[in-house]
Amino acid sequence: MKSLALLLLIGVLLLVITVGLALAIGGPADPGTMPSINNPFKSLDYSDLPPYSRFSARDGVYLAFRQYPSVAGPPKGSVVLVHGSSASGRSMHVLAKAFATAGYEAYTLDIRGHGGSGTRGQIAYMGQLEDDLEDFMRALKPPKPCTLTGFSSGGGFALRAAGSARQTLFSNYLLLSPFIGPDSPTQRPGSGGWVRVGLSRLLAVALLNACGVRAFNRLPVTRFALNEESKAFLTPEYSFALAQNFQPQRNYRANIQAVHLRFRVVAGQEDEAFRTDQFEGLFNTEGKAVPVTLLPGIGHIALILDPVALQASVAAVRRLDEPAP
């Protein structure tokens, strides 16, 4: 019995040491820079960027968004746009203008932990982003039908919302080259070089969460391939809590199966971050015959900047808003 107790004690000590080392030195490495993600935004004209508006979330924090009124008469409906990882609503400016021109009321959110919303790279708890989204919808009451449109990691978060108990906050969903999960068939290693994950730290914090310990959820576990100029105004890294919340549920297959409203996918054939040719098969496997539009010659960032891609997104929302057959 003494030998068994000694072995158990040694095992526990080794586990504690391993977890401690993972927490201390297992953070994400610097991925360098990824020009195809950083450079396209340098030449954009933001002279007509709307000023920030703010709404109060349930914890009393004021979160930032921008509003683009319809410029084609009374709105046909609305779109709520969610940016990709590291970014802010500013990155969705061109797409928001395309929707406003087409007669939709458009809103670009700065998801908490990004841009003008909260502390960059941090949230208080997993599930806070869904609470914020509900608070936004209750405060603003966008014109119906209302489409939640997410790009990249924002598309993954839109999928998370679409498969949640709060999915009826929106009329339908548009996923623009969505992040599905690290083990999804759509995933390229490191999202094509965009992100580095501190895997040992991530696993250690996940293990502690499974034991009810959430004291380390603020530690950074992912880092993005930003250039030095971009690091000043984007979000260079995510805490464990933000990284886990700003994506689909861990069981992304169950997340897809739980979606009961209409949704569509638009992506580029030349996407550097994801294997977009796998989207249709993935959703079909989970029993969702989702219309997937793949655009020739369009890369990841071009999906929210290129005129052809912009019109494809507008057309997708028009189809989603049509009466169901």
C-alpha atoms as a PDB file:
ATOM      1  CA  MET A   1       0.000   0.000   0.000  1.00  0.00           C
ATOM      2  CA  LYS A   2       2.839   2.372   0.854  1.00  0.00           C
ATOM      3  CA  SER A   3       4.444   1.713  -2.537  1.00  0.00           C
ATOM      4  CA  LEU A   4       1.167   2.410  -4.325  1.00  0.00           C
ATOM      5  CA  ALA A   5       0.661   5.625  -2.381  1.00  0.00           C
ATOM      6  CA  LEU A   6       4.218   6.693  -3.185  1.00  0.00           C
ATOM      7  CA  LEU A   7       3.676   6.019  -6.898  1.00  0.00           C
ATOM      8  CA  LEU A   8       0.456   7.999  -6.850  1.00  0.00           C
ATOM      9  CA  LEU A   9       2.193  10.896  -5.106  1.00  0.00           C
ATOM     10  CA  ILE A  10       5.023  10.847  -7.653  1.00  0.00           C
ATOM     11  CA  GLY A  11       2.473  10.760 -10.478  1.00  0.00           C
ATOM     12  CA  VAL A  12       0.603  13.730  -9.054  1.00  0.00           C
ATOM     13  CA  LEU A  13       3.819  15.699  -8.582  1.00  0.00           C
ATOM     14  CA  LEU A  14       4.895  14.973 -12.155  1.00  0.00           C
ATOM     15  CA  LEU A  15       1.495  16.080 -13.445  1.00  0.00           C
ATOM     16  CA  VAL A  16       1.656  19.296 -11.428  1.00  0.00           C
ATOM     17  CA  ILE A  17       5.164  20.013 -12.709  1.00  0.00           C
ATOM     18  CA  THR A  18       4.150  19.275 -16.312  1.00  0.00           C
ATOM     19  CA  VAL A  19       1.077  21.501 -16.107  1.00  0.00           C
ATOM     20  CA  GLY A  20       3.086  24.245 -14.398  1.00  0.00           C
ATOM     21  CA  LEU A  21       5.748  24.193 -17.091  1.00  0.00           C
ATOM     22  CA  ALA A  22       3.091  24.241 -19.828  1.00  0.00           C
ATOM     23  CA  LEU A  23       1.444  27.260 -18.234  1.00  0.00           C
ATOM     24  CA  ALA A  24       4.735  29.073 -17.738  1.00  0.00           C
ATOM     25  CA  ILE A  25       6.559  28.448 -21.005  1.00  0.00           C
ATOM     26  CA  GLY A  26       4.036  26.759 -23.305  1.00  0.00           C
ATOM     27  CA  GLY A  27       2.640  29.917 -24.861  1.00  0.00           C
ATOM     28  CA  PRO A  28       2.363  30.588 -28.595  1.00  0.00           C
ATOM     29  CA  ALA A  29       5.441  31.322 -30.685  1.00  0.00           C
ATOM     30  CA  ASP A  30       5.700  34.303 -33.025  1.00  0.00           C
ATOM     31  CA  PRO A  31       4.304  33.229 -36.426  1.00  0.00           C
ATOM     32  CA  GLY A  32       6.092  36.010 -38.312  1.00  0.00           C
ATOM     33  CA  THR A  33       3.998  37.989 -40.787  1.00  0.00           C
ATOM     34  CA  MET A  34       1.538  36.946 -43.493  1.00  0.00           C
ATOM     35  CA  PRO A  35       1.518  39.600 -46.248  1.00  0.00           C
ATOM     36  CA  SER A  36      -1.585  38.228 -47.983  1.00  0.00           C
ATOM     37  CA  ILE A  37      -3.573  38.985 -44.815  1.00  0.00           C
ATOM     38  CA  ASN A  38      -1.909  42.270 -43.815  1.00  0.00           C
ATOM     39  CA  ASN A  39      -1.282  44.043 -47.104  1.00  0.00           C
ATOM     40  CA  PRO A  40      -4.728  44.256 -48.775  1.00  0.00           C
ATOM     41  CA  PHE A  41      -6.007  46.686 -46.143  1.00  0.00           C
ATOM     42  CA  LYS A  42      -3.183  49.211 -46.620  1.00  0.00           C
ATOM     43  CA  SER A  43      -4.701  50.825 -49.702  1.00  0.00           C
ATOM     44  CA  LEU A  44      -8.302  51.078 -48.467  1.00  0.00           C
ATOM     45  CA  ASP A  45     -10.036  54.436 -48.187  1.00  0.00           C
ATOM     46  CA  TYR A  46     -11.565  54.869 -44.730  1.00  0.00           C
ATOM     47  CA  SER A  47     -12.487  58.525 -45.191  1.00  0.00           C
ATOM     48  CA  ASP A  48     -16.198  57.631 -45.059  1.00  0.00           C
ATOM     49  CA  LEU A  49     -15.910  55.271 -42.077  1.00  0.00           C
ATOM     50  CA  PRO A  50     -18.895  55.911 -39.776  1.00  0.00           C
ATOM     51  CA  PRO A  51     -18.088  56.988 -36.215  1.00  0.00           C
ATOM     52  CA  TYR A  52     -18.363  54.508 -33.395  1.00  0.00           C
ATOM     53  CA  SER A  53     -21.672  53.955 -31.694  1.00  0.00           C
ATOM     54  CA  ARG A  54     -21.897  51.994 -28.459  1.00  0.00           C
ATOM     55  CA  PHE A  55     -24.339  49.774 -26.591  1.00  0.00           C
ATOM     56  CA  SER A  56     -24.278  48.648 -23.001  1.00  0.00           C
ATOM     57  CA  ALA A  57     -23.631  44.954 -22.411  1.00  0.00           C
ATOM     58  CA  ARG A  58     -25.096  43.211 -19.374  1.00  0.00           C
ATOM     59  CA  ASP A  59     -21.911  43.725 -17.371  1.00  0.00           C
ATOM     60  CA  GLY A  60     -22.143  47.498 -17.858  1.00  0.00           C
ATOM     61  CA  VAL A  61     -19.306  47.694 -20.397  1.00  0.00           C
ATOM     62  CA  TYR A  62     -20.015  49.773 -23.502  1.00  0.00           C
ATOM     63  CA  LEU A  63     -19.109  47.855 -26.670  1.00  0.00           C
ATOM     64  CA  ALA A  64     -18.418  49.429 -30.060  1.00  0.00           C
ATOM     65  CA  PHE A  65     -20.134  49.062 -33.421  1.00  0.00           C
ATOM     66  CA  ARG A  66     -20.668  51.077 -36.580  1.00  0.00           C
ATOM     67  CA  GLN A  67     -23.946  51.540 -38.407  1.00  0.00           C
ATOM     68  CA  TYR A  68     -24.442  51.883 -42.167  1.00  0.00           C
ATOM     69  CA  PRO A  69     -27.980  53.013 -43.091  1.00  0.00           C
ATOM     70  CA  SER A  70     -29.545  51.796 -46.310  1.00  0.00           C
ATOM     71  CA  VAL A  71     -28.845  54.241 -49.143  1.00  0.00           C
ATOM     72  CA  ALA A  72     -31.513  52.715 -51.391  1.00  0.00           C
ATOM     73  CA  GLY A  73     -34.684  53.730 -49.572  1.00  0.00           C
ATOM     74  CA  PRO A  74     -36.350  51.889 -46.693  1.00  0.00           C
ATOM     75  CA  PRO A  75     -34.219  48.896 -45.658  1.00  0.00           C
ATOM     76  CA  LYS A  76     -35.034  45.476 -47.105  1.00  0.00           C
ATOM     77  CA  GLY A  77     -33.670  43.996 -43.918  1.00  0.00           C
ATOM     78  CA  SER A  78     -30.368  44.087 -42.105  1.00  0.00           C
ATOM     79  CA  VAL A  79     -27.013  42.376 -41.769  1.00  0.00           C
ATOM     80  CA  VAL A  80     -24.841  42.195 -38.664  1.00  0.00           C
ATOM     81  CA  LEU A  81     -21.214  41.710 -39.706  1.00  0.00           C
ATOM     82  CA  VAL A  82     -18.645  39.919 -37.550  1.00  0.00           C
ATOM     83  CA  HIS A  83     -14.957  40.382 -38.402  1.00  0.00           C
ATOM     84  CA  GLY A  84     -12.212  37.765 -38.482  1.00  0.00           C
ATOM     85  CA  SER A  85      -9.534  36.936 -35.927  1.00  0.00           C
ATOM     86  CA  SER A  86      -7.333  39.780 -34.669  1.00  0.00           C
ATOM     87  CA  ALA A  87      -9.371  42.359 -36.609  1.00  0.00           C
ATOM     88  CA  SER A  88     -12.194  44.774 -35.784  1.00  0.00           C
ATOM     89  CA  GLY A  89     -15.381  45.926 -37.462  1.00  0.00           C
ATOM     90  CA  ARG A  90     -13.279  48.380 -39.477  1.00  0.00           C
ATOM     91  CA  SER A  91     -12.107  45.456 -41.643  1.00  0.00           C
ATOM     92  CA  MET A  92     -15.729  44.894 -42.760  1.00  0.00           C
ATOM     93  CA  HIS A  93     -16.147  48.491 -43.981  1.00  0.00           C
ATOM     94  CA  VAL A  94     -16.161  47.715 -47.702  1.00  0.00           C
ATOM     95  CA  LEU A  95     -18.618  44.843 -47.316  1.00  0.00           C
ATOM     96  CA  ALA A  96     -20.891  46.918 -45.070  1.00  0.00           C
ATOM     97  CA  LYS A  97     -21.021  49.660 -47.718  1.00  0.00           C
ATOM     98  CA  ALA A  98     -21.966  47.077 -50.356  1.00  0.00           C
ATOM     99  CA  PHE A  99     -24.907  45.944 -48.243  1.00  0.00           C
ATOM    100  CA  ALA A 100     -25.997  49.525 -47.549  1.00  0.00           C
ATOM    101  CA  THR A 101     -25.855  50.293 -51.279  1.00  0.00           C
ATOM    102  CA  ALA A 102     -28.021  47.223 -51.925  1.00  0.00           C
ATOM    103  CA  GLY A 103     -30.681  48.494 -49.534  1.00  0.00           C
ATOM    104  CA  TYR A 104     -29.786  46.797 -46.257  1.00  0.00           C
ATOM    105  CA  GLU A 105     -29.119  48.317 -42.856  1.00  0.00           C
ATOM    106  CA  ALA A 106     -25.610  47.105 -41.975  1.00  0.00           C
ATOM    107  CA  TYR A 107     -23.829  46.957 -38.631  1.00  0.00           C
ATOM    108  CA  THR A 108     -20.179  46.107 -38.045  1.00  0.00           C
ATOM    109  CA  LEU A 109     -19.346  44.889 -34.547  1.00  0.00           C
ATOM    110  CA  ASP A 110     -16.104  45.168 -32.657  1.00  0.00           C
ATOM    111  CA  ILE A 111     -16.339  41.835 -30.876  1.00  0.00           C
ATOM    112  CA  ARG A 112     -15.307  42.136 -27.222  1.00  0.00           C
ATOM    113  CA  GLY A 113     -11.531  41.786 -26.996  1.00  0.00           C
ATOM    114  CA  HIS A 114     -11.043  43.647 -30.295  1.00  0.00           C
ATOM    115  CA  GLY A 115     -10.910  47.250 -31.486  1.00  0.00           C
ATOM    116  CA  GLY A 116     -13.005  49.535 -29.311  1.00  0.00           C
ATOM    117  CA  SER A 117     -14.668  46.789 -27.265  1.00  0.00           C
ATOM    118  CA  GLY A 118     -13.099  45.883 -23.951  1.00  0.00           C
ATOM    119  CA  THR A 119      -9.500  44.811 -23.358  1.00  0.00           C
ATOM    120  CA  ARG A 120      -7.831  43.489 -26.484  1.00  0.00           C
ATOM    121  CA  GLY A 121      -7.306  39.749 -26.450  1.00  0.00           C
ATOM    122  CA  GLN A 122      -9.407  39.203 -23.318  1.00  0.00           C
ATOM    123  CA  ILE A 123     -12.939  38.323 -22.237  1.00  0.00           C
ATOM    124  CA  ALA A 124     -14.191  37.576 -18.732  1.00  0.00           C
ATOM    125  CA  TYR A 125     -15.653  34.122 -19.361  1.00  0.00           C
ATOM    126  CA  MET A 126     -16.450  31.668 -22.138  1.00  0.00           C
ATOM    127  CA  GLY A 127     -19.934  32.414 -23.390  1.00  0.00           C
ATOM    128  CA  GLN A 128     -19.572  36.165 -22.914  1.00  0.00           C
ATOM    129  CA  LEU A 129     -19.519  36.772 -26.662  1.00  0.00           C
ATOM    130  CA  GLU A 130     -22.944  35.167 -27.079  1.00  0.00           C
ATOM    131  CA  ASP A 131     -24.245  37.294 -24.207  1.00  0.00           C
ATOM    132  CA  ASP A 132     -22.861  40.397 -25.940  1.00  0.00           C
ATOM    133  CA  LEU A 133     -24.500  39.430 -29.225  1.00  0.00           C
ATOM    134  CA  GLU A 134     -27.866  39.010 -27.534  1.00  0.00           C
ATOM    135  CA  ASP A 135     -27.438  42.352 -25.751  1.00  0.00           C
ATOM    136  CA  PHE A 136     -26.673  44.054 -29.067  1.00  0.00           C
ATOM    137  CA  MET A 137     -29.767  42.615 -30.736  1.00  0.00           C
ATOM    138  CA  ARG A 138     -32.019  43.608 -27.840  1.00  0.00           C
ATOM    139  CA  ALA A 139     -30.564  47.139 -27.732  1.00  0.00           C
ATOM    140  CA  LEU A 140     -30.544  47.904 -31.484  1.00  0.00           C
ATOM    141  CA  LYS A 141     -33.416  45.771 -32.807  1.00  0.00           C
ATOM    142  CA  PRO A 142     -32.118  45.687 -36.421  1.00  0.00           C
ATOM    143  CA  PRO A 143     -34.758  45.598 -39.177  1.00  0.00           C
ATOM    144  CA  LYS A 144     -35.983  42.114 -40.075  1.00  0.00           C
ATOM    145  CA  PRO A 145     -35.133  39.863 -41.774  1.00  0.00           C
ATOM    146  CA  CYS A 146     -31.740  40.078 -40.092  1.00  0.00           C
ATOM    147  CA  THR A 147     -28.752  38.011 -41.218  1.00  0.00           C
ATOM    148  CA  LEU A 148     -25.738  37.334 -38.999  1.00  0.00           C
ATOM    149  CA  THR A 149     -22.784  37.385 -41.401  1.00  0.00           C
ATOM    150  CA  GLY A 150     -19.392  36.260 -40.114  1.00  0.00           C
ATOM    151  CA  PHE A 151     -16.030  36.153 -41.863  1.00  0.00           C
ATOM    152  CA  SER A 152     -13.280  33.610 -41.065  1.00  0.00           C
ATOM    153  CA  SER A 153     -13.193  33.236 -37.255  1.00  0.00           C
ATOM    154  CA  GLY A 154     -16.251  35.481 -37.246  1.00  0.00           C
ATOM    155  CA  GLY A 155     -17.887  32.933 -39.534  1.00  0.00           C
ATOM    156  CA  GLY A 156     -17.028  30.241 -37.014  1.00  0.00           C
ATOM    157  CA  PHE A 157     -18.587  32.350 -34.279  1.00  0.00           C
ATOM    158  CA  ALA A 158     -21.680  32.867 -36.463  1.00  0.00           C
ATOM    159  CA  LEU A 159     -21.903  29.075 -36.804  1.00  0.00           C
ATOM    160  CA  ARG A 160     -21.608  28.802 -33.006  1.00  0.00           C
ATOM    161  CA  ALA A 161     -24.547  31.201 -32.653  1.00  0.00           C
ATOM    162  CA  ALA A 162     -26.532  29.422 -35.369  1.00  0.00           C
ATOM    163  CA  GLY A 163     -26.306  26.127 -33.470  1.00  0.00           C
ATOM    164  CA  SER A 164     -27.088  27.604 -30.066  1.00  0.00           C
ATOM    165  CA  ALA A 165     -30.276  27.992 -28.056  1.00  0.00           C
ATOM    166  CA  ARG A 166     -30.296  31.659 -29.131  1.00  0.00           C
ATOM    167  CA  GLN A 167     -30.209  31.005 -32.864  1.00  0.00           C
ATOM    168  CA  THR A 168     -33.610  32.660 -33.399  1.00  0.00           C
ATOM    169  CA  LEU A 169     -32.113  36.056 -32.566  1.00  0.00           C
ATOM    170  CA  PHE A 170     -31.447  36.138 -36.328  1.00  0.00           C
ATOM    171  CA  SER A 171     -33.524  35.227 -39.348  1.00  0.00           C
ATOM    172  CA  ASN A 172     -30.683  33.383 -41.089  1.00  0.00           C
ATOM    173  CA  TYR A 173     -26.902  33.121 -41.324  1.00  0.00           C
ATOM    174  CA  LEU A 174     -24.198  33.754 -43.917  1.00  0.00           C
ATOM    175  CA  LEU A 175     -20.769  32.199 -43.308  1.00  0.00           C
ATOM    176  CA  LEU A 176     -17.896  33.726 -45.285  1.00  0.00           C
ATOM    177  CA  SER A 177     -15.002  31.231 -45.430  1.00  0.00           C
ATOM    178  CA  PRO A 178     -15.684  30.204 -41.833  1.00  0.00           C
ATOM    179  CA  PHE A 179     -13.171  28.708 -39.432  1.00  0.00           C
ATOM    180  CA  ILE A 180     -14.663  25.352 -38.423  1.00  0.00           C
ATOM    181  CA  GLY A 181     -12.067  23.822 -36.125  1.00  0.00           C
ATOM    182  CA  PRO A 182      -8.422  22.738 -35.931  1.00  0.00           C
ATOM    183  CA  ASP A 183      -9.317  19.133 -36.784  1.00  0.00           C
ATOM    184  CA  SER A 184     -11.820  20.001 -39.508  1.00  0.00           C
ATOM    185  CA  PRO A 185     -11.123  18.787 -43.088  1.00  0.00           C
ATOM    186  CA  THR A 186     -11.389  22.439 -44.140  1.00  0.00           C
ATOM    187  CA  GLN A 187      -8.391  23.479 -42.044  1.00  0.00           C
ATOM    188  CA  ARG A 188      -4.912  24.186 -43.400  1.00  0.00           C
ATOM    189  CA  PRO A 189      -2.044  23.841 -40.882  1.00  0.00           C
ATOM    190  CA  GLY A 190      -1.891  27.021 -38.822  1.00  0.00           C
ATOM    191  CA  SER A 191      -4.596  28.516 -41.048  1.00  0.00           C
ATOM    192  CA  GLY A 192      -2.007  28.801 -43.805  1.00  0.00           C
ATOM    193  CA  GLY A 193       0.557  30.454 -41.515  1.00  0.00           C
ATOM    194  CA  TRP A 194      -1.793  33.007 -39.984  1.00  0.00           C
ATOM    195  CA  VAL A 195      -1.823  31.660 -36.437  1.00  0.00           C
ATOM    196  CA  ARG A 196       0.473  29.873 -33.995  1.00  0.00           C
ATOM    197  CA  VAL A 197      -1.057  27.992 -31.076  1.00  0.00           C
ATOM    198  CA  GLY A 198       0.682  27.365 -27.769  1.00  0.00           C
ATOM    199  CA  LEU A 199      -0.620  23.814 -27.750  1.00  0.00           C
ATOM    200  CA  SER A 200       0.885  22.647 -24.459  1.00  0.00           C
ATOM    201  CA  ARG A 201      -0.482  25.703 -22.624  1.00  0.00           C
ATOM    202  CA  LEU A 202      -3.854  25.349 -24.315  1.00  0.00           C
ATOM    203  CA  LEU A 203      -4.100  21.691 -23.257  1.00  0.00           C
ATOM    204  CA  ALA A 204      -2.995  22.514 -19.716  1.00  0.00           C
ATOM    205  CA  VAL A 205      -5.607  25.263 -19.325  1.00  0.00           C
ATOM    206  CA  ALA A 206      -8.265  22.992 -20.857  1.00  0.00           C
ATOM    207  CA  LEU A 207      -7.364  20.279 -18.343  1.00  0.00           C
ATOM    208  CA  LEU A 208      -7.670  22.757 -15.479  1.00  0.00           C
ATOM    209  CA  ASN A 209     -11.043  23.923 -16.818  1.00  0.00           C
ATOM    210  CA  ALA A 210     -12.225  20.319 -16.834  1.00  0.00           C
ATOM    211  CA  CYS A 211     -11.327  20.267 -13.122  1.00  0.00           C
ATOM    212  CA  GLY A 212     -13.257  23.481 -12.508  1.00  0.00           C
ATOM    213  CA  VAL A 213     -10.162  25.709 -12.323  1.00  0.00           C
ATOM    214  CA  ARG A 214     -10.512  28.814 -14.522  1.00  0.00           C
ATOM    215  CA  ALA A 215      -7.853  31.019 -12.957  1.00  0.00           C
ATOM    216  CA  PHE A 216      -5.579  30.689 -16.005  1.00  0.00           C
ATOM    217  CA  ASN A 217      -8.123  31.428 -18.749  1.00  0.00           C
ATOM    218  CA  ARG A 218      -6.551  34.854 -19.352  1.00  0.00           C
ATOM    219  CA  LEU A 219      -3.219  33.380 -20.461  1.00  0.00           C
ATOM    220  CA  PRO A 220      -2.508  33.844 -24.201  1.00  0.00           C
ATOM    221  CA  VAL A 221      -2.701  30.650 -26.265  1.00  0.00           C
ATOM    222  CA  THR A 222      -2.801  31.932 -29.867  1.00  0.00           C
ATOM    223  CA  ARG A 223      -0.771  34.571 -31.718  1.00  0.00           C
ATOM    224  CA  PHE A 224      -1.365  36.032 -35.166  1.00  0.00           C
ATOM    225  CA  ALA A 225       0.944  36.823 -38.085  1.00  0.00           C
ATOM    226  CA  LEU A 226       0.697  40.608 -37.904  1.00  0.00           C
ATOM    227  CA  ASN A 227       3.302  43.062 -39.092  1.00  0.00           C
ATOM    228  CA  GLU A 228       4.626  45.581 -36.573  1.00  0.00           C
ATOM    229  CA  GLU A 229       2.436  48.395 -37.886  1.00  0.00           C
ATOM    230  CA  SER A 230      -0.744  46.323 -37.493  1.00  0.00           C
ATOM    231  CA  LYS A 231       0.048  45.236 -33.937  1.00  0.00           C
ATOM    232  CA  ALA A 232      -0.608  48.790 -32.770  1.00  0.00           C
ATOM    233  CA  PHE A 233      -4.328  48.686 -33.612  1.00  0.00           C
ATOM    234  CA  LEU A 234      -5.221  45.001 -34.111  1.00  0.00           C
ATOM    235  CA  THR A 235      -5.250  42.175 -31.548  1.00  0.00           C
ATOM    236  CA  PRO A 236      -1.938  40.261 -31.658  1.00  0.00           C
ATOM    237  CA  GLU A 237      -2.936  37.356 -29.390  1.00  0.00           C
ATOM    238  CA  TYR A 238      -5.932  35.703 -27.731  1.00  0.00           C
ATOM    239  CA  SER A 239      -6.410  34.427 -24.222  1.00  0.00           C
ATOM    240  CA  PHE A 240      -7.672  30.884 -23.758  1.00  0.00           C
ATOM    241  CA  ALA A 241     -11.182  32.150 -23.017  1.00  0.00           C
ATOM    242  CA  LEU A 242     -11.384  34.348 -26.122  1.00  0.00           C
ATOM    243  CA  ALA A 243      -9.805  31.739 -28.389  1.00  0.00           C
ATOM    244  CA  GLN A 244     -12.318  29.115 -27.289  1.00  0.00           C
ATOM    245  CA  ASN A 245     -15.331  31.426 -27.481  1.00  0.00           C
ATOM    246  CA  PHE A 246     -14.625  33.064 -30.852  1.00  0.00           C
ATOM    247  CA  GLN A 247     -15.103  29.881 -32.887  1.00  0.00           C
ATOM    248  CA  PRO A 248     -17.638  27.062 -33.229  1.00  0.00           C
ATOM    249  CA  GLN A 249     -18.323  24.763 -30.324  1.00  0.00           C
ATOM    250  CA  ARG A 250     -15.532  22.258 -29.667  1.00  0.00           C
ATOM    251  CA  ASN A 251     -17.745  19.523 -31.137  1.00  0.00           C
ATOM    252  CA  TYR A 252     -18.266  21.381 -34.395  1.00  0.00           C
ATOM    253  CA  ARG A 253     -20.194  18.462 -35.899  1.00  0.00           C
ATOM    254  CA  ALA A 254     -22.833  18.666 -33.170  1.00  0.00           C
ATOM    255  CA  ASN A 255     -22.806  22.446 -33.613  1.00  0.00           C
ATOM    256  CA  ILE A 256     -23.645  22.059 -37.316  1.00  0.00           C
ATOM    257  CA  GLN A 257     -26.350  19.493 -36.603  1.00  0.00           C
ATOM    258  CA  ALA A 258     -27.997  21.869 -34.118  1.00  0.00           C
ATOM    259  CA  VAL A 259     -28.578  24.582 -36.753  1.00  0.00           C
ATOM    260  CA  HIS A 260     -32.275  24.758 -37.638  1.00  0.00           C
ATOM    261  CA  LEU A 261     -32.410  28.025 -39.574  1.00  0.00           C
ATOM    262  CA  ARG A 262     -31.302  28.685 -43.152  1.00  0.00           C
ATOM    263  CA  PHE A 263     -27.657  29.430 -43.835  1.00  0.00           C
ATOM    264  CA  ARG A 264     -25.301  29.660 -46.776  1.00  0.00           C
ATOM    265  CA  VAL A 265     -21.534  29.616 -47.304  1.00  0.00           C
ATOM    266  CA  VAL A 266     -19.498  31.839 -49.634  1.00  0.00           C
ATOM    267  CA  ALA A 267     -15.737  31.351 -50.029  1.00  0.00           C
ATOM    268  CA  GLY A 268     -12.907  31.807 -52.521  1.00  0.00           C
ATOM    269  CA  GLN A 269     -11.301  28.982 -54.433  1.00  0.00           C
ATOM    270  CA  GLU A 270      -7.840  30.480 -53.788  1.00  0.00           C
ATOM    271  CA  ASP A 271      -8.256  30.795 -50.022  1.00  0.00           C
ATOM    272  CA  GLU A 272      -4.875  30.601 -48.260  1.00  0.00           C
ATOM    273  CA  ALA A 273      -6.263  29.805 -44.803  1.00  0.00           C
ATOM    274  CA  PHE A 274      -8.839  27.072 -45.452  1.00  0.00           C
ATOM    275  CA  ARG A 275      -9.534  24.209 -47.852  1.00  0.00           C
ATOM    276  CA  THR A 276     -12.718  25.693 -49.175  1.00  0.00           C
ATOM    277  CA  ASP A 277     -13.428  22.773 -51.513  1.00  0.00           C
ATOM    278  CA  GLN A 278     -14.192  20.733 -48.371  1.00  0.00           C
ATOM    279  CA  PHE A 279     -17.019  22.918 -47.053  1.00  0.00           C
ATOM    280  CA  GLU A 280     -19.844  21.350 -49.036  1.00  0.00           C
ATOM    281  CA  GLY A 281     -18.860  17.782 -48.168  1.00  0.00           C
ATOM    282  CA  LEU A 282     -18.440  18.661 -44.499  1.00  0.00           C
ATOM    283  CA  PHE A 283     -21.917  20.120 -44.166  1.00  0.00           C
ATOM    284  CA  ASN A 284     -23.492  17.356 -46.239  1.00  0.00           C
ATOM    285  CA  THR A 285     -21.913  14.754 -43.955  1.00  0.00           C
ATOM    286  CA  GLU A 286     -23.699  16.363 -41.006  1.00  0.00           C
ATOM    287  CA  GLY A 287     -27.040  16.308 -42.824  1.00  0.00           C
ATOM    288  CA  LYS A 288     -27.056  19.937 -43.920  1.00  0.00           C
ATOM    289  CA  ALA A 289     -27.464  20.482 -47.659  1.00  0.00           C
ATOM    290  CA  VAL A 290     -26.030  23.982 -47.431  1.00  0.00           C
ATOM    291  CA  PRO A 291     -25.597  26.034 -50.616  1.00  0.00           C
ATOM    292  CA  VAL A 292     -21.858  26.718 -50.970  1.00  0.00           C
ATOM    293  CA  THR A 293     -20.651  29.340 -53.461  1.00  0.00           C
ATOM    294  CA  LEU A 294     -16.953  29.070 -54.389  1.00  0.00           C
ATOM    295  CA  LEU A 295     -15.573  32.087 -56.242  1.00  0.00           C
ATOM    296  CA  PRO A 296     -12.740  31.523 -58.767  1.00  0.00           C
ATOM    297  CA  GLY A 297      -9.592  33.577 -58.223  1.00  0.00           C
ATOM    298  CA  ILE A 298     -10.656  34.873 -54.799  1.00  0.00           C
ATOM    299  CA  GLY A 299      -8.348  34.513 -51.799  1.00  0.00           C
ATOM    300  CA  HIS A 300      -9.118  34.824 -48.116  1.00  0.00           C
ATOM    301  CA  ILE A 301      -9.081  38.610 -47.622  1.00  0.00           C
ATOM    302  CA  ALA A 302     -10.350  39.306 -51.145  1.00  0.00           C
ATOM    303  CA  LEU A 303     -13.607  37.689 -50.040  1.00  0.00           C
ATOM    304  CA  ILE A 304     -14.507  40.874 -48.117  1.00  0.00           C
ATOM    305  CA  LEU A 305     -12.878  43.379 -50.509  1.00  0.00           C
ATOM    306  CA  ASP A 306     -13.212  42.241 -54.128  1.00  0.00           C
ATOM    307  CA  PRO A 307     -16.276  43.641 -55.974  1.00  0.00           C
ATOM    308  CA  VAL A 308     -17.252  40.222 -57.346  1.00  0.00           C
ATOM    309  CA  ALA A 309     -17.079  38.699 -53.866  1.00  0.00           C
ATOM    310  CA  LEU A 310     -19.059  41.574 -52.372  1.00  0.00           C
ATOM    311  CA  GLN A 311     -21.877  41.043 -54.837  1.00  0.00           C
ATOM    312  CA  ALA A 312     -21.834  37.306 -54.131  1.00  0.00           C
ATOM    313  CA  SER A 313     -22.407  38.026 -50.433  1.00  0.00           C
ATOM    314  CA  VAL A 314     -25.234  40.449 -51.185  1.00  0.00           C
ATOM    315  CA  ALA A 315     -26.822  37.890 -53.523  1.00  0.00           C
ATOM    316  CA  ALA A 316     -26.516  35.190 -50.856  1.00  0.00           C
ATOM    317  CA  VAL A 317     -28.420  37.329 -48.324  1.00  0.00           C
ATOM    318  CA  ARG A 318     -31.105  38.084 -50.922  1.00  0.00           C
ATOM    319  CA  ARG A 319     -31.597  34.347 -51.429  1.00  0.00           C
ATOM    320  CA  LEU A 320     -31.676  33.693 -47.693  1.00  0.00           C
ATOM    321  CA  ASP A 321     -34.379  36.337 -47.295  1.00  0.00           C
ATOM    322  CA  GLU A 322     -36.576  34.819 -49.989  1.00  0.00           C
ATOM    323  CA  PRO A 323     -39.568  32.793 -48.746  1.00  0.00           C
ATOM    324  CA  ALA A 324     -38.631  29.181 -48.095  1.00  0.00           C
ATOM    325  CA  PRO A 325     -39.867  26.812 -50.833  1.00  0.00           C
END
